[in-house]
Amino acid sequence: MRRWIARVGAGVVCSTAGAMGVGAGLGHALPPPEDVPEEVLRTQIVLEGRSPVTGEPLTASEHATQQTSRQTAIEEQPRDLPPEIRQTVMLLKLRRLLRPVLPFIF
């Protein structure tokens, strides 16, 4: 009896797999042979790119000069705020700090 159940069970599994086409199209799941594997692409060094400002193609040296000029432009921006805005920011930070402790006040 057990042998018969084992044979019937194996037959059902094999017939179901055959009906579903499992194993028939395994070669279709592979990428084309001219495709470069992702592992190889990760190790390659990219020497060209696009400008984040205009989107035009750049070489590595042009990209480096553009990036340094953008960084210096960011550093040269004034950081001083008027005293009213500083006080408002400080009060907002204090409110955010006290809200979990004293939720009924805010």
Protein backbone atom coordinates (compact mmCIF):
# COMPACT_ATOMS: atom_id res chain seq x y z
CA MET A 1 0.00 0.00 0.00
CA ARG A 2 2.76 2.45 0.92
CA ARG A 3 4.64 1.66 -2.28
CA TRP A 4 1.55 2.29 -4.33
CA ILE A 5 1.00 5.71 -2.65
CA ALA A 6 4.65 6.62 -3.24
CA ARG A 7 4.42 5.66 -6.95
CA VAL A 8 1.14 7.49 -7.42
CA GLY A 9 2.47 10.57 -5.63
CA ALA A 10 5.63 10.64 -7.75
CA GLY A 11 3.59 10.19 -10.89
CA VAL A 12 1.30 13.08 -9.99
CA VAL A 13 4.27 15.34 -9.32
CA CYS A 14 5.97 14.40 -12.60
CA SER A 15 2.80 14.78 -14.66
CA THR A 16 2.01 18.13 -13.04
CA ALA A 17 5.53 19.41 -13.72
CA GLY A 18 5.33 18.21 -17.31
CA ALA A 19 1.93 19.84 -17.83
CA MET A 20 3.20 23.13 -16.45
CA GLY A 21 6.20 23.06 -18.76
CA VAL A 22 8.75 22.96 -15.96
CA GLY A 23 12.12 22.02 -17.37
CA ALA A 24 11.07 22.58 -20.97
CA GLY A 25 12.22 26.20 -21.28
CA LEU A 26 15.24 26.36 -19.02
CA GLY A 27 17.44 27.65 -21.83
CA HIS A 28 15.11 30.61 -22.37
CA ALA A 29 15.66 31.88 -18.84
CA LEU A 30 19.37 32.54 -19.44
CA PRO A 31 20.58 35.94 -20.68
CA PRO A 32 21.96 36.19 -24.21
CA PRO A 33 25.64 35.22 -24.53
CA GLU A 34 26.69 38.72 -25.66
CA ASP A 35 25.35 40.21 -22.42
CA VAL A 36 28.10 41.33 -19.99
CA PRO A 37 27.56 39.88 -16.48
CA GLU A 38 26.76 42.30 -13.68
CA GLU A 39 29.80 41.16 -11.69
CA VAL A 40 32.07 42.30 -14.53
CA LEU A 41 30.25 45.62 -14.88
CA ARG A 42 30.70 46.37 -11.17
CA THR A 43 34.49 46.08 -11.43
CA GLN A 44 34.80 48.43 -14.41
CA ILE A 45 35.80 52.03 -13.80
CA VAL A 46 33.52 54.59 -15.44
CA LEU A 47 35.56 57.37 -17.04
CA GLU A 48 32.77 59.42 -18.56
CA GLY A 49 29.63 60.83 -17.07
CA ARG A 50 27.05 63.58 -17.30
CA SER A 51 26.97 66.99 -15.73
CA PRO A 52 24.51 67.21 -12.83
CA VAL A 53 23.79 70.82 -13.79
CA THR A 54 23.25 70.70 -17.57
CA GLY A 55 23.18 66.97 -18.35
CA GLU A 56 25.84 67.21 -21.06
CA PRO A 57 28.52 64.50 -21.36
CA LEU A 58 31.74 65.20 -19.41
CA THR A 59 35.13 63.60 -19.03
CA ALA A 60 36.44 62.69 -15.59
CA SER A 61 38.63 65.81 -15.34
CA GLU A 62 35.81 68.14 -16.42
CA HIS A 63 33.52 66.52 -13.86
CA ALA A 64 36.12 66.99 -11.09
CA THR A 65 36.63 70.67 -11.91
CA GLN A 66 32.89 71.28 -12.05
CA GLN A 67 32.39 69.53 -8.73
CA THR A 68 35.12 71.55 -6.99
CA SER A 69 33.72 74.81 -8.37
CA ARG A 70 30.24 73.88 -7.09
CA GLN A 71 31.69 72.98 -3.68
CA THR A 72 33.52 76.32 -3.37
CA ALA A 73 30.33 78.15 -4.40
CA ILE A 74 28.43 76.38 -1.62
CA GLU A 75 31.11 77.23 0.95
CA GLU A 76 31.10 80.91 -0.03
CA GLN A 77 27.40 81.39 0.70
CA PRO A 78 26.69 83.57 3.72
CA ARG A 79 25.77 81.58 6.84
CA ASP A 80 24.70 84.45 9.07
CA LEU A 81 21.01 84.68 9.89
CA PRO A 82 19.18 87.63 11.35
CA PRO A 83 18.72 87.45 15.13
CA GLU A 84 14.92 87.15 14.83
CA ILE A 85 15.19 84.01 12.71
CA ARG A 86 17.82 82.52 15.04
CA GLN A 87 15.53 83.07 18.02
CA THR A 88 12.57 81.53 16.17
CA VAL A 89 14.62 78.46 15.24
CA MET A 90 15.86 78.10 18.81
CA LEU A 91 12.28 78.32 20.17
CA LEU A 92 11.09 75.71 17.65
CA LYS A 93 13.88 73.35 18.70
CA LEU A 94 13.00 73.90 22.36
CA ARG A 95 9.34 73.21 21.60
CA ARG A 96 10.23 69.99 19.80
CA LEU A 97 12.36 68.95 22.77
CA LEU A 98 9.62 69.65 25.34
CA ARG A 99 6.66 68.25 23.38
CA PRO A 100 7.15 64.58 24.44
CA VAL A 101 7.57 65.58 28.08
CA LEU A 102 4.78 68.15 28.29
CA PRO A 103 2.27 67.30 25.52
CA PHE A 104 -0.64 69.17 27.13
CA ILE A 105 1.12 72.56 26.86
CA PHE A 106 1.76 72.44 23.12
